[in-house]
Amino acid sequence: MGNEGKGTIFKRKDERYLLYLPVRVVDDSMFPLKCEGSMPVKVSFCPNDGKLVIEKWKEEET
């Protein structure tokens, strides 16, 4: 099962940040976000927990 792996976050020259997720994690059948190309996501964090949360973006959140 690939529910854990080492990812990377980095800053590009155009001042954007990218988050790399390992293929074996995203391709795992239990991975909650199914994506064929790109998809909008909601990113949030809680400073006290030190955790980053990535969720599928819901249209009503615009």
N, C-alpha and C. Protein backbone atom coordinates (compact mmCIF):
# COMPACT_ATOMS: atom_id res chain seq x y z
N MET A 1 0.85 -1.17 0.00
CA MET A 1 0.00 0.00 0.00
C MET A 1 0.90 1.24 0.00
N GLY A 2 0.50 2.27 -0.77
CA GLY A 2 1.33 3.46 -0.90
C GLY A 2 0.71 4.68 -0.24
N ASN A 3 0.25 4.57 0.99
CA ASN A 3 -0.41 5.71 1.62
C ASN A 3 0.57 6.68 2.28
N GLU A 4 1.86 6.49 2.07
CA GLU A 4 2.86 7.37 2.65
C GLU A 4 4.06 7.43 1.73
N GLY A 5 4.63 8.61 1.59
CA GLY A 5 5.80 8.78 0.75
C GLY A 5 6.40 10.15 0.97
N LYS A 6 7.57 10.38 0.44
CA LYS A 6 8.24 11.66 0.61
C LYS A 6 7.88 12.58 -0.55
N GLY A 7 7.25 13.71 -0.23
CA GLY A 7 6.91 14.71 -1.22
C GLY A 7 7.86 15.89 -1.08
N THR A 8 7.70 16.88 -1.95
CA THR A 8 8.54 18.06 -1.93
C THR A 8 7.70 19.29 -2.25
N ILE A 9 7.95 20.38 -1.54
CA ILE A 9 7.36 21.66 -1.89
C ILE A 9 8.51 22.58 -2.26
N PHE A 10 8.36 23.28 -3.39
CA PHE A 10 9.43 24.17 -3.79
C PHE A 10 8.89 25.41 -4.49
N LYS A 11 9.71 26.45 -4.48
CA LYS A 11 9.33 27.73 -5.08
C LYS A 11 9.96 27.85 -6.46
N ARG A 12 9.12 28.20 -7.43
CA ARG A 12 9.60 28.39 -8.79
C ARG A 12 10.11 29.81 -8.98
N LYS A 13 10.77 30.04 -10.10
CA LYS A 13 11.30 31.37 -10.39
C LYS A 13 10.19 32.40 -10.57
N ASP A 14 8.98 31.96 -10.95
CA ASP A 14 7.87 32.90 -11.15
C ASP A 14 7.10 33.15 -9.85
N GLU A 15 7.71 32.82 -8.71
CA GLU A 15 7.15 33.07 -7.38
C GLU A 15 5.98 32.17 -7.00
N ARG A 16 5.73 31.12 -7.75
CA ARG A 16 4.69 30.15 -7.41
C ARG A 16 5.33 28.98 -6.68
N TYR A 17 4.51 28.30 -5.90
CA TYR A 17 4.97 27.12 -5.19
C TYR A 17 4.32 25.89 -5.80
N LEU A 18 5.05 24.82 -5.88
CA LEU A 18 4.53 23.54 -6.35
C LEU A 18 4.73 22.49 -5.27
N LEU A 19 3.77 21.61 -5.18
CA LEU A 19 3.84 20.51 -4.23
C LEU A 19 3.92 19.22 -5.04
N TYR A 20 5.00 18.49 -4.89
CA TYR A 20 5.18 17.21 -5.58
C TYR A 20 4.67 16.11 -4.67
N LEU A 21 3.77 15.29 -5.22
CA LEU A 21 3.27 14.12 -4.49
C LEU A 21 3.79 12.88 -5.21
N PRO A 22 4.33 11.92 -4.49
CA PRO A 22 4.86 10.72 -5.13
C PRO A 22 3.77 9.95 -5.88
N VAL A 23 4.12 9.43 -7.05
CA VAL A 23 3.19 8.69 -7.89
C VAL A 23 2.60 7.50 -7.15
N ARG A 24 3.40 6.79 -6.40
CA ARG A 24 2.89 5.59 -5.72
C ARG A 24 1.84 5.93 -4.66
N VAL A 25 1.88 7.16 -4.13
CA VAL A 25 0.86 7.59 -3.17
C VAL A 25 -0.43 7.95 -3.91
N VAL A 26 -0.32 8.78 -4.94
CA VAL A 26 -1.49 9.24 -5.69
C VAL A 26 -2.16 8.10 -6.45
N ASP A 27 -1.38 7.16 -6.96
CA ASP A 27 -1.94 6.03 -7.72
C ASP A 27 -2.49 4.92 -6.84
N ASP A 28 -2.32 5.02 -5.53
CA ASP A 28 -2.87 4.01 -4.62
C ASP A 28 -4.40 4.03 -4.72
N SER A 29 -5.01 2.88 -4.73
CA SER A 29 -6.47 2.78 -4.87
C SER A 29 -7.22 3.46 -3.73
N MET A 30 -6.58 3.66 -2.60
CA MET A 30 -7.23 4.29 -1.44
C MET A 30 -7.03 5.82 -1.41
N PHE A 31 -6.25 6.36 -2.35
CA PHE A 31 -6.03 7.82 -2.39
C PHE A 31 -7.36 8.51 -2.63
N PRO A 32 -7.73 9.49 -1.80
CA PRO A 32 -9.08 10.06 -1.85
C PRO A 32 -9.37 11.01 -3.01
N LEU A 33 -8.36 11.52 -3.70
CA LEU A 33 -8.59 12.45 -4.80
C LEU A 33 -8.27 11.77 -6.13
N LYS A 34 -9.27 11.57 -6.95
CA LYS A 34 -9.06 10.96 -8.26
C LYS A 34 -8.92 12.06 -9.29
N CYS A 35 -7.81 12.06 -10.02
CA CYS A 35 -7.49 13.15 -10.93
C CYS A 35 -6.86 12.61 -12.20
N GLU A 36 -7.39 13.01 -13.35
CA GLU A 36 -6.83 12.57 -14.63
C GLU A 36 -5.78 13.55 -15.17
N GLY A 37 -5.83 14.78 -14.76
CA GLY A 37 -4.89 15.80 -15.23
C GLY A 37 -4.60 16.77 -14.11
N SER A 38 -5.34 17.85 -14.10
CA SER A 38 -5.24 18.80 -13.00
C SER A 38 -6.64 19.02 -12.43
N MET A 39 -6.71 19.44 -11.19
CA MET A 39 -7.99 19.69 -10.55
C MET A 39 -7.81 20.75 -9.46
N PRO A 40 -8.82 21.58 -9.25
CA PRO A 40 -8.72 22.57 -8.17
C PRO A 40 -8.84 21.88 -6.81
N VAL A 41 -8.03 22.33 -5.88
CA VAL A 41 -8.05 21.78 -4.52
C VAL A 41 -8.06 22.91 -3.50
N LYS A 42 -8.56 22.62 -2.34
CA LYS A 42 -8.54 23.55 -1.21
C LYS A 42 -7.36 23.14 -0.33
N VAL A 43 -6.52 24.10 0.00
CA VAL A 43 -5.35 23.83 0.84
C VAL A 43 -5.50 24.64 2.13
N SER A 44 -5.36 23.98 3.25
CA SER A 44 -5.44 24.66 4.54
C SER A 44 -4.43 24.03 5.50
N PHE A 45 -4.18 24.73 6.59
CA PHE A 45 -3.26 24.18 7.58
C PHE A 45 -3.64 24.69 8.96
N CYS A 46 -3.19 23.97 9.95
CA CYS A 46 -3.37 24.36 11.34
C CYS A 46 -1.97 24.48 11.95
N PRO A 47 -1.56 25.69 12.28
CA PRO A 47 -0.20 25.87 12.80
C PRO A 47 0.11 25.03 14.04
N ASN A 48 -0.89 24.79 14.87
CA ASN A 48 -0.66 24.02 16.10
C ASN A 48 -0.37 22.55 15.83
N ASP A 49 -0.97 22.00 14.76
CA ASP A 49 -0.78 20.59 14.44
C ASP A 49 0.41 20.33 13.52
N GLY A 50 0.83 21.36 12.78
CA GLY A 50 1.91 21.17 11.81
C GLY A 50 1.49 20.30 10.64
N LYS A 51 0.17 20.32 10.31
CA LYS A 51 -0.34 19.49 9.23
C LYS A 51 -0.91 20.35 8.12
N LEU A 52 -0.73 19.88 6.89
CA LEU A 52 -1.29 20.50 5.70
C LEU A 52 -2.45 19.63 5.24
N VAL A 53 -3.60 20.25 4.94
CA VAL A 53 -4.78 19.51 4.51
C VAL A 53 -5.09 19.89 3.07
N ILE A 54 -5.24 18.90 2.21
CA ILE A 54 -5.59 19.12 0.81
C ILE A 54 -6.90 18.40 0.54
N GLU A 55 -7.91 19.17 0.09
CA GLU A 55 -9.24 18.62 -0.17
C GLU A 55 -9.68 18.99 -1.58
N LYS A 56 -10.57 18.20 -2.14
CA LYS A 56 -11.15 18.53 -3.43
C LYS A 56 -11.95 19.83 -3.28
N TRP A 57 -11.77 20.76 -4.23
CA TRP A 57 -12.47 22.04 -4.19
C TRP A 57 -13.92 21.83 -4.58
N LYS A 58 -14.81 22.39 -3.79
CA LYS A 58 -16.24 22.32 -4.08
C LYS A 58 -16.65 23.63 -4.72
N GLU A 59 -17.44 23.61 -5.78
CA GLU A 59 -17.84 24.80 -6.52
C GLU A 59 -18.45 25.88 -5.63
N GLU A 60 -19.22 25.49 -4.62
CA GLU A 60 -19.85 26.48 -3.77
C GLU A 60 -18.86 27.25 -2.90
N GLU A 61 -17.58 26.85 -2.90
CA GLU A 61 -16.55 27.53 -2.11
C GLU A 61 -15.97 28.73 -2.83
N THR A 62 -16.35 28.99 -4.08
CA THR A 62 -15.79 30.11 -4.83
C THR A 62 -16.30 31.34 -4.28
